[in-house]
Amino acid sequence: MELSAGLEFAREHSQGVLVTRRAGGRPQLSNILYHVSGSHSSGSQLSGELDPVVRISVTDTRAKTKNLRRDPFASLYVPGESFWSYVVLDATAELSPVAAAVDDATVEELVQLYRAIRGEDHPDWSEYRETMVTERRLVARLHPTHAYGVTQR
């Protein structure tokens, strides 16, 4: 499957399963919400980037975050409408700094990510920003390198 086809499929969804590797090599799976930005095709952009990026809001203390710090390889499984339709994006991850202040760059990116996933504003941005700092949130940015799966059945 061409990477562009996998990304196009992923753009049509926002729920998936993130797969990272534990220290011993076993997989760690986490249900996540995500957004694909960048212009590998005609998709939306965050921060004006050109290359496709899959963004996920993560918490600093979670296993997936620790795994990505140690080993930046990740896969994102995106289910389709039927059981037989899916795409997997293999990617290299980078992590933003942990949110440290309600107006820092990480919180701004998390605000953009919320809007992109939800398609609407949060009812209380002050509360949201404070929560991002309190929960020690950051953004995992996946840079897809390969796609496989079945998109039609």
N, C-alpha and C. Protein backbone atom coordinates (compact mmCIF):
# COMPACT_ATOMS: atom_id res chain seq x y z
N MET A 1 0.85 -1.18 0.00
CA MET A 1 0.00 0.00 0.00
C MET A 1 0.89 1.24 0.00
N GLU A 2 0.55 2.21 -0.80
CA GLU A 2 1.27 3.48 -0.81
C GLU A 2 1.01 4.23 0.50
N LEU A 3 2.03 4.90 1.00
CA LEU A 3 1.87 5.68 2.22
C LEU A 3 0.75 6.71 2.08
N SER A 4 0.65 7.35 0.93
CA SER A 4 -0.39 8.36 0.73
C SER A 4 -1.79 7.77 0.88
N ALA A 5 -2.00 6.55 0.43
CA ALA A 5 -3.31 5.89 0.57
C ALA A 5 -3.60 5.57 2.04
N GLY A 6 -2.59 5.13 2.76
CA GLY A 6 -2.77 4.86 4.18
C GLY A 6 -3.09 6.12 4.96
N LEU A 7 -2.39 7.21 4.63
CA LEU A 7 -2.66 8.49 5.29
C LEU A 7 -4.05 9.01 4.98
N GLU A 8 -4.48 8.86 3.73
CA GLU A 8 -5.82 9.32 3.36
C GLU A 8 -6.88 8.56 4.15
N PHE A 9 -6.70 7.25 4.30
CA PHE A 9 -7.61 6.44 5.11
C PHE A 9 -7.60 6.92 6.56
N ALA A 10 -6.41 7.14 7.11
CA ALA A 10 -6.29 7.57 8.50
C ALA A 10 -6.93 8.94 8.73
N ARG A 11 -6.85 9.83 7.73
CA ARG A 11 -7.46 11.16 7.85
C ARG A 11 -8.98 11.09 8.04
N GLU A 12 -9.57 10.04 7.54
CA GLU A 12 -11.03 9.88 7.61
C GLU A 12 -11.48 9.38 8.98
N HIS A 13 -10.54 9.12 9.87
CA HIS A 13 -10.86 8.58 11.19
C HIS A 13 -10.12 9.40 12.25
N SER A 14 -10.43 9.14 13.51
CA SER A 14 -9.70 9.82 14.60
C SER A 14 -9.43 8.89 15.78
N GLN A 15 -9.86 7.65 15.67
CA GLN A 15 -9.63 6.68 16.73
C GLN A 15 -8.73 5.57 16.21
N GLY A 16 -7.81 5.14 17.07
CA GLY A 16 -6.93 4.06 16.67
C GLY A 16 -6.27 3.42 17.87
N VAL A 17 -5.34 2.55 17.58
CA VAL A 17 -4.58 1.87 18.61
C VAL A 17 -3.10 2.15 18.35
N LEU A 18 -2.44 2.75 19.33
CA LEU A 18 -1.02 3.04 19.23
C LEU A 18 -0.25 1.85 19.77
N VAL A 19 0.73 1.39 19.00
CA VAL A 19 1.56 0.27 19.41
C VAL A 19 2.98 0.79 19.61
N THR A 20 3.51 0.61 20.82
CA THR A 20 4.90 0.95 21.14
C THR A 20 5.56 -0.33 21.65
N ARG A 21 6.88 -0.26 21.84
CA ARG A 21 7.61 -1.44 22.33
C ARG A 21 8.08 -1.23 23.76
N ARG A 22 7.79 -2.22 24.59
CA ARG A 22 8.29 -2.21 25.97
C ARG A 22 9.78 -2.50 25.95
N ALA A 23 10.44 -2.29 27.08
CA ALA A 23 11.88 -2.49 27.17
C ALA A 23 12.29 -3.90 26.74
N GLY A 24 11.49 -4.90 27.04
CA GLY A 24 11.80 -6.28 26.67
C GLY A 24 11.40 -6.64 25.25
N GLY A 25 10.84 -5.69 24.50
CA GLY A 25 10.47 -5.94 23.11
C GLY A 25 9.02 -6.29 22.89
N ARG A 26 8.27 -6.58 23.96
CA ARG A 26 6.85 -6.92 23.80
C ARG A 26 6.06 -5.67 23.47
N PRO A 27 4.95 -5.82 22.75
CA PRO A 27 4.16 -4.64 22.37
C PRO A 27 3.35 -4.09 23.54
N GLN A 28 3.15 -2.78 23.51
CA GLN A 28 2.27 -2.07 24.45
C GLN A 28 1.23 -1.39 23.57
N LEU A 29 -0.05 -1.71 23.76
CA LEU A 29 -1.11 -1.14 22.94
C LEU A 29 -1.96 -0.19 23.76
N SER A 30 -2.34 0.93 23.15
CA SER A 30 -3.16 1.94 23.82
C SER A 30 -4.19 2.48 22.85
N ASN A 31 -5.45 2.51 23.26
CA ASN A 31 -6.49 3.16 22.47
C ASN A 31 -6.26 4.67 22.55
N ILE A 32 -6.30 5.34 21.41
CA ILE A 32 -6.00 6.77 21.39
C ILE A 32 -6.90 7.49 20.38
N LEU A 33 -6.97 8.82 20.55
CA LEU A 33 -7.54 9.72 19.55
C LEU A 33 -6.36 10.40 18.88
N TYR A 34 -6.46 10.69 17.59
CA TYR A 34 -5.34 11.28 16.88
C TYR A 34 -5.85 12.23 15.80
N HIS A 35 -4.92 12.99 15.24
CA HIS A 35 -5.22 13.82 14.08
C HIS A 35 -4.04 13.78 13.13
N VAL A 36 -4.34 13.63 11.85
CA VAL A 36 -3.31 13.65 10.81
C VAL A 36 -3.27 15.06 10.22
N SER A 37 -2.10 15.66 10.24
CA SER A 37 -1.93 16.98 9.62
C SER A 37 -0.79 16.90 8.62
N GLY A 38 -0.56 17.97 7.91
CA GLY A 38 0.46 17.98 6.88
C GLY A 38 -0.16 17.75 5.53
N SER A 39 0.67 17.80 4.49
CA SER A 39 0.10 17.79 3.14
C SER A 39 0.65 16.68 2.26
N HIS A 40 0.71 15.46 2.76
CA HIS A 40 1.08 14.35 1.88
C HIS A 40 0.00 14.20 0.82
N SER A 41 -1.20 14.65 1.19
CA SER A 41 -2.30 14.78 0.23
C SER A 41 -2.94 16.12 0.53
N SER A 42 -4.23 16.23 0.38
CA SER A 42 -4.88 17.52 0.56
C SER A 42 -5.38 17.73 1.99
N GLY A 43 -4.79 17.05 2.97
CA GLY A 43 -5.28 17.12 4.34
C GLY A 43 -5.00 18.43 5.03
N SER A 44 -5.56 18.57 6.22
CA SER A 44 -5.41 19.81 6.97
C SER A 44 -4.01 19.93 7.55
N GLN A 45 -3.68 21.13 7.99
CA GLN A 45 -2.36 21.38 8.53
C GLN A 45 -2.46 21.99 9.91
N LEU A 46 -1.50 21.67 10.75
CA LEU A 46 -1.28 22.36 12.02
C LEU A 46 0.09 22.98 11.91
N SER A 47 0.24 24.18 12.35
CA SER A 47 1.53 24.87 12.37
C SER A 47 2.21 24.96 11.00
N GLY A 48 1.45 24.87 9.92
CA GLY A 48 1.98 25.07 8.60
C GLY A 48 2.93 24.00 8.08
N GLU A 49 2.94 22.80 8.65
CA GLU A 49 3.89 21.79 8.20
C GLU A 49 3.50 21.21 6.85
N LEU A 50 4.49 20.72 6.16
CA LEU A 50 4.26 20.12 4.85
C LEU A 50 4.22 18.60 4.93
N ASP A 51 5.12 18.00 5.70
CA ASP A 51 5.15 16.55 5.80
C ASP A 51 4.03 16.07 6.71
N PRO A 52 3.47 14.88 6.42
CA PRO A 52 2.39 14.37 7.25
C PRO A 52 2.86 14.05 8.67
N VAL A 53 2.05 14.40 9.64
CA VAL A 53 2.33 14.13 11.05
C VAL A 53 1.03 13.66 11.69
N VAL A 54 1.12 12.61 12.48
CA VAL A 54 -0.01 12.14 13.28
C VAL A 54 0.25 12.62 14.70
N ARG A 55 -0.68 13.40 15.24
CA ARG A 55 -0.50 13.95 16.59
C ARG A 55 -1.43 13.25 17.57
N ILE A 56 -0.86 13.00 18.77
CA ILE A 56 -1.60 12.35 19.84
C ILE A 56 -1.27 13.07 21.14
N SER A 57 -2.28 13.37 21.93
CA SER A 57 -2.06 13.92 23.27
C SER A 57 -1.76 12.77 24.21
N VAL A 58 -0.63 12.85 24.90
CA VAL A 58 -0.23 11.79 25.84
C VAL A 58 0.15 12.40 27.18
N THR A 59 0.19 11.58 28.20
CA THR A 59 0.58 11.99 29.54
C THR A 59 2.01 11.54 29.80
N ASP A 60 2.77 12.37 30.45
CA ASP A 60 4.20 12.13 30.69
C ASP A 60 4.49 10.79 31.37
N THR A 61 3.63 10.37 32.28
CA THR A 61 3.94 9.19 33.09
C THR A 61 3.42 7.87 32.51
N ARG A 62 2.73 7.90 31.38
CA ARG A 62 2.16 6.67 30.83
C ARG A 62 3.21 5.79 30.17
N ALA A 63 2.92 4.50 30.10
CA ALA A 63 3.84 3.52 29.51
C ALA A 63 4.17 3.89 28.07
N LYS A 64 3.18 4.31 27.29
CA LYS A 64 3.45 4.61 25.89
C LYS A 64 4.47 5.74 25.74
N THR A 65 4.39 6.73 26.63
CA THR A 65 5.33 7.85 26.58
C THR A 65 6.73 7.39 26.96
N LYS A 66 6.84 6.61 28.01
CA LYS A 66 8.14 6.07 28.42
C LYS A 66 8.74 5.21 27.32
N ASN A 67 7.89 4.39 26.69
CA ASN A 67 8.37 3.53 25.61
C ASN A 67 8.90 4.36 24.44
N LEU A 68 8.18 5.42 24.07
CA LEU A 68 8.60 6.25 22.94
C LEU A 68 9.88 7.04 23.24
N ARG A 69 10.10 7.37 24.51
CA ARG A 69 11.35 8.04 24.87
C ARG A 69 12.55 7.10 24.68
N ARG A 70 12.34 5.84 25.00
CA ARG A 70 13.42 4.86 24.90
C ARG A 70 13.60 4.37 23.47
N ASP A 71 12.48 4.19 22.74
CA ASP A 71 12.50 3.62 21.39
C ASP A 71 11.43 4.35 20.58
N PRO A 72 11.82 5.23 19.67
CA PRO A 72 10.83 6.07 18.98
C PRO A 72 10.01 5.37 17.89
N PHE A 73 10.17 4.07 17.70
CA PHE A 73 9.35 3.37 16.71
C PHE A 73 7.94 3.18 17.25
N ALA A 74 6.95 3.42 16.41
CA ALA A 74 5.55 3.20 16.78
C ALA A 74 4.76 2.78 15.56
N SER A 75 3.64 2.12 15.81
CA SER A 75 2.68 1.82 14.75
C SER A 75 1.31 2.30 15.22
N LEU A 76 0.53 2.79 14.28
CA LEU A 76 -0.83 3.21 14.57
C LEU A 76 -1.77 2.34 13.76
N TYR A 77 -2.61 1.58 14.45
CA TYR A 77 -3.63 0.75 13.82
C TYR A 77 -4.91 1.57 13.75
N VAL A 78 -5.45 1.73 12.54
CA VAL A 78 -6.68 2.49 12.34
C VAL A 78 -7.74 1.55 11.78
N PRO A 79 -8.78 1.26 12.56
CA PRO A 79 -9.84 0.37 12.06
C PRO A 79 -10.77 1.10 11.10
N GLY A 80 -11.31 0.35 10.15
CA GLY A 80 -12.27 0.91 9.21
C GLY A 80 -13.70 0.62 9.66
N GLU A 81 -14.62 0.82 8.76
CA GLU A 81 -16.04 0.63 9.08
C GLU A 81 -16.39 -0.84 9.24
N SER A 82 -15.71 -1.71 8.49
CA SER A 82 -15.96 -3.14 8.63
C SER A 82 -14.76 -3.78 9.33
N PHE A 83 -14.96 -4.96 9.83
CA PHE A 83 -13.90 -5.69 10.52
C PHE A 83 -12.69 -5.93 9.61
N TRP A 84 -12.91 -6.05 8.32
CA TRP A 84 -11.86 -6.40 7.37
C TRP A 84 -11.14 -5.19 6.79
N SER A 85 -11.53 -4.00 7.18
CA SER A 85 -10.92 -2.78 6.64
C SER A 85 -10.08 -2.10 7.71
N TYR A 86 -8.80 -1.86 7.40
CA TYR A 86 -7.90 -1.24 8.38
C TYR A 86 -6.65 -0.75 7.68
N VAL A 87 -5.93 0.12 8.38
CA VAL A 87 -4.61 0.57 7.93
C VAL A 87 -3.69 0.59 9.14
N VAL A 88 -2.43 0.25 8.92
CA VAL A 88 -1.40 0.41 9.94
C VAL A 88 -0.36 1.36 9.38
N LEU A 89 -0.07 2.40 10.15
CA LEU A 89 0.99 3.34 9.79
C LEU A 89 2.19 3.09 10.70
N ASP A 90 3.31 2.72 10.14
CA ASP A 90 4.55 2.62 10.90
C ASP A 90 5.18 4.00 10.89
N ALA A 91 5.77 4.39 12.02
CA ALA A 91 6.25 5.76 12.14
C ALA A 91 7.40 5.86 13.13
N THR A 92 8.08 6.98 13.02
CA THR A 92 9.07 7.38 14.01
C THR A 92 8.44 8.51 14.81
N ALA A 93 8.56 8.42 16.13
CA ALA A 93 7.91 9.41 17.00
C ALA A 93 8.89 10.43 17.53
N GLU A 94 8.40 11.63 17.73
CA GLU A 94 9.12 12.65 18.48
C GLU A 94 8.14 13.16 19.52
N LEU A 95 8.66 13.56 20.66
CA LEU A 95 7.82 14.04 21.76
C LEU A 95 8.09 15.53 22.01
N SER A 96 7.01 16.26 22.19
CA SER A 96 7.15 17.68 22.55
C SER A 96 7.61 17.76 24.00
N PRO A 97 8.01 18.93 24.45
CA PRO A 97 8.25 19.10 25.88
C PRO A 97 6.94 18.90 26.64
N VAL A 98 7.04 18.60 27.90
CA VAL A 98 5.86 18.48 28.76
C VAL A 98 5.29 19.87 29.00
N ALA A 99 3.97 19.99 29.00
CA ALA A 99 3.31 21.28 29.26
C ALA A 99 3.74 21.79 30.63
N ALA A 100 4.28 23.00 30.67
CA ALA A 100 4.79 23.56 31.92
C ALA A 100 4.07 24.84 32.34
N ALA A 101 3.43 25.50 31.39
CA ALA A 101 2.71 26.75 31.67
C ALA A 101 1.51 26.83 30.74
N VAL A 102 0.44 27.46 31.19
CA VAL A 102 -0.80 27.50 30.42
C VAL A 102 -0.66 28.17 29.06
N ASP A 103 0.42 28.93 28.87
CA ASP A 103 0.60 29.63 27.60
C ASP A 103 1.86 29.19 26.85
N ASP A 104 2.42 28.03 27.20
CA ASP A 104 3.63 27.61 26.50
C ASP A 104 3.29 26.95 25.15
N ALA A 105 4.32 26.67 24.37
CA ALA A 105 4.13 26.13 23.02
C ALA A 105 3.44 24.76 23.02
N THR A 106 3.72 23.94 24.03
CA THR A 106 3.08 22.62 24.09
C THR A 106 1.58 22.77 24.31
N VAL A 107 1.18 23.64 25.23
CA VAL A 107 -0.25 23.83 25.47
C VAL A 107 -0.92 24.41 24.22
N GLU A 108 -0.25 25.31 23.53
CA GLU A 108 -0.81 25.86 22.29
C GLU A 108 -1.03 24.74 21.26
N GLU A 109 -0.07 23.83 21.16
CA GLU A 109 -0.22 22.70 20.23
C GLU A 109 -1.35 21.78 20.67
N LEU A 110 -1.49 21.56 21.97
CA LEU A 110 -2.59 20.74 22.49
C LEU A 110 -3.94 21.39 22.22
N VAL A 111 -4.02 22.71 22.30
CA VAL A 111 -5.26 23.43 21.96
C VAL A 111 -5.59 23.19 20.48
N GLN A 112 -4.61 23.35 19.60
CA GLN A 112 -4.82 23.11 18.17
C GLN A 112 -5.25 21.67 17.92
N LEU A 113 -4.62 20.73 18.63
CA LEU A 113 -4.96 19.32 18.47
C LEU A 113 -6.39 19.04 18.91
N TYR A 114 -6.80 19.61 20.04
CA TYR A 114 -8.18 19.45 20.52
C TYR A 114 -9.16 19.91 19.45
N ARG A 115 -8.93 21.10 18.91
CA ARG A 115 -9.82 21.64 17.88
C ARG A 115 -9.84 20.75 16.64
N ALA A 116 -8.69 20.25 16.25
CA ALA A 116 -8.60 19.42 15.05
C ALA A 116 -9.35 18.10 15.23
N ILE A 117 -9.23 17.49 16.40
CA ILE A 117 -9.90 16.20 16.65
C ILE A 117 -11.40 16.40 16.85
N ARG A 118 -11.76 17.37 17.67
CA ARG A 118 -13.16 17.57 18.03
C ARG A 118 -13.95 18.39 17.02
N GLY A 119 -13.25 19.24 16.27
CA GLY A 119 -13.95 20.09 15.31
C GLY A 119 -14.73 21.21 15.96
N GLU A 120 -14.37 21.53 17.20
CA GLU A 120 -15.07 22.59 17.94
C GLU A 120 -14.17 23.12 19.04
N ASP A 121 -14.57 24.22 19.62
CA ASP A 121 -13.83 24.79 20.75
C ASP A 121 -14.22 24.09 22.04
N HIS A 122 -13.31 24.10 22.99
CA HIS A 122 -13.57 23.60 24.33
C HIS A 122 -14.48 24.60 25.05
N PRO A 123 -15.38 24.15 25.92
CA PRO A 123 -16.27 25.10 26.59
C PRO A 123 -15.55 26.02 27.59
N ASP A 124 -14.35 25.63 28.05
CA ASP A 124 -13.61 26.46 29.00
C ASP A 124 -12.11 26.29 28.74
N TRP A 125 -11.56 27.16 27.89
CA TRP A 125 -10.16 27.04 27.52
C TRP A 125 -9.22 27.24 28.70
N SER A 126 -9.57 28.08 29.65
CA SER A 126 -8.71 28.28 30.83
C SER A 126 -8.59 26.97 31.61
N GLU A 127 -9.71 26.32 31.82
CA GLU A 127 -9.69 25.03 32.52
C GLU A 127 -8.89 23.99 31.73
N TYR A 128 -9.11 23.94 30.43
CA TYR A 128 -8.39 22.99 29.58
C TYR A 128 -6.88 23.21 29.69
N ARG A 129 -6.44 24.45 29.55
CA ARG A 129 -5.02 24.77 29.62
C ARG A 129 -4.42 24.37 30.97
N GLU A 130 -5.12 24.66 32.04
CA GLU A 130 -4.64 24.29 33.38
C GLU A 130 -4.55 22.77 33.51
N THR A 131 -5.53 22.08 32.98
CA THR A 131 -5.54 20.62 33.04
C THR A 131 -4.35 20.02 32.28
N MET A 132 -4.01 20.60 31.14
CA MET A 132 -2.88 20.10 30.36
C MET A 132 -1.58 20.19 31.16
N VAL A 133 -1.42 21.27 31.92
CA VAL A 133 -0.23 21.44 32.76
C VAL A 133 -0.29 20.49 33.95
N THR A 134 -1.43 20.44 34.62
CA THR A 134 -1.59 19.58 35.81
C THR A 134 -1.36 18.11 35.47
N GLU A 135 -1.89 17.67 34.31
CA GLU A 135 -1.75 16.27 33.90
C GLU A 135 -0.40 15.96 33.26
N ARG A 136 0.43 16.99 33.11
CA ARG A 136 1.74 16.83 32.48
C ARG A 136 1.60 16.22 31.09
N ARG A 137 0.76 16.87 30.29
CA ARG A 137 0.51 16.42 28.93
C ARG A 137 1.59 16.89 27.98
N LEU A 138 1.73 16.17 26.89
CA LEU A 138 2.63 16.54 25.81
C LEU A 138 2.06 15.97 24.53
N VAL A 139 2.69 16.27 23.42
CA VAL A 139 2.22 15.79 22.13
C VAL A 139 3.23 14.79 21.58
N ALA A 140 2.72 13.61 21.23
CA ALA A 140 3.52 12.64 20.48
C ALA A 140 3.25 12.91 19.01
N ARG A 141 4.31 13.18 18.27
CA ARG A 141 4.20 13.44 16.83
C ARG A 141 4.77 12.23 16.09
N LEU A 142 3.91 11.54 15.39
CA LEU A 142 4.34 10.37 14.62
C LEU A 142 4.60 10.80 13.18
N HIS A 143 5.77 10.45 12.67
CA HIS A 143 6.15 10.74 11.30
C HIS A 143 6.08 9.42 10.52
N PRO A 144 4.98 9.19 9.79
CA PRO A 144 4.78 7.91 9.11
C PRO A 144 5.83 7.65 8.02
N THR A 145 6.26 6.40 7.97
CA THR A 145 7.25 5.98 6.98
C THR A 145 6.75 4.85 6.09
N HIS A 146 5.70 4.16 6.52
CA HIS A 146 5.23 2.98 5.79
C HIS A 146 3.77 2.74 6.16
N ALA A 147 3.00 2.22 5.22
CA ALA A 147 1.60 1.89 5.49
C ALA A 147 1.27 0.52 4.89
N TYR A 148 0.38 -0.20 5.57
CA TYR A 148 -0.14 -1.44 5.01
C TYR A 148 -1.55 -1.63 5.54
N GLY A 149 -2.29 -2.49 4.89
CA GLY A 149 -3.65 -2.77 5.32
C GLY A 149 -4.56 -3.02 4.14
N VAL A 150 -5.84 -3.04 4.45
CA VAL A 150 -6.89 -3.29 3.46
C VAL A 150 -7.94 -2.19 3.66
N THR A 151 -8.19 -1.40 2.63
CA THR A 151 -9.12 -0.29 2.79
C THR A 151 -10.45 -0.49 2.10
N GLN A 152 -10.62 -1.56 1.34
CA GLN A 152 -11.89 -1.82 0.69
C GLN A 152 -12.26 -3.28 0.85
N ARG A 153 -13.50 -3.52 1.21
CA ARG A 153 -14.03 -4.89 1.31
C ARG A 153 -15.49 -4.84 1.05
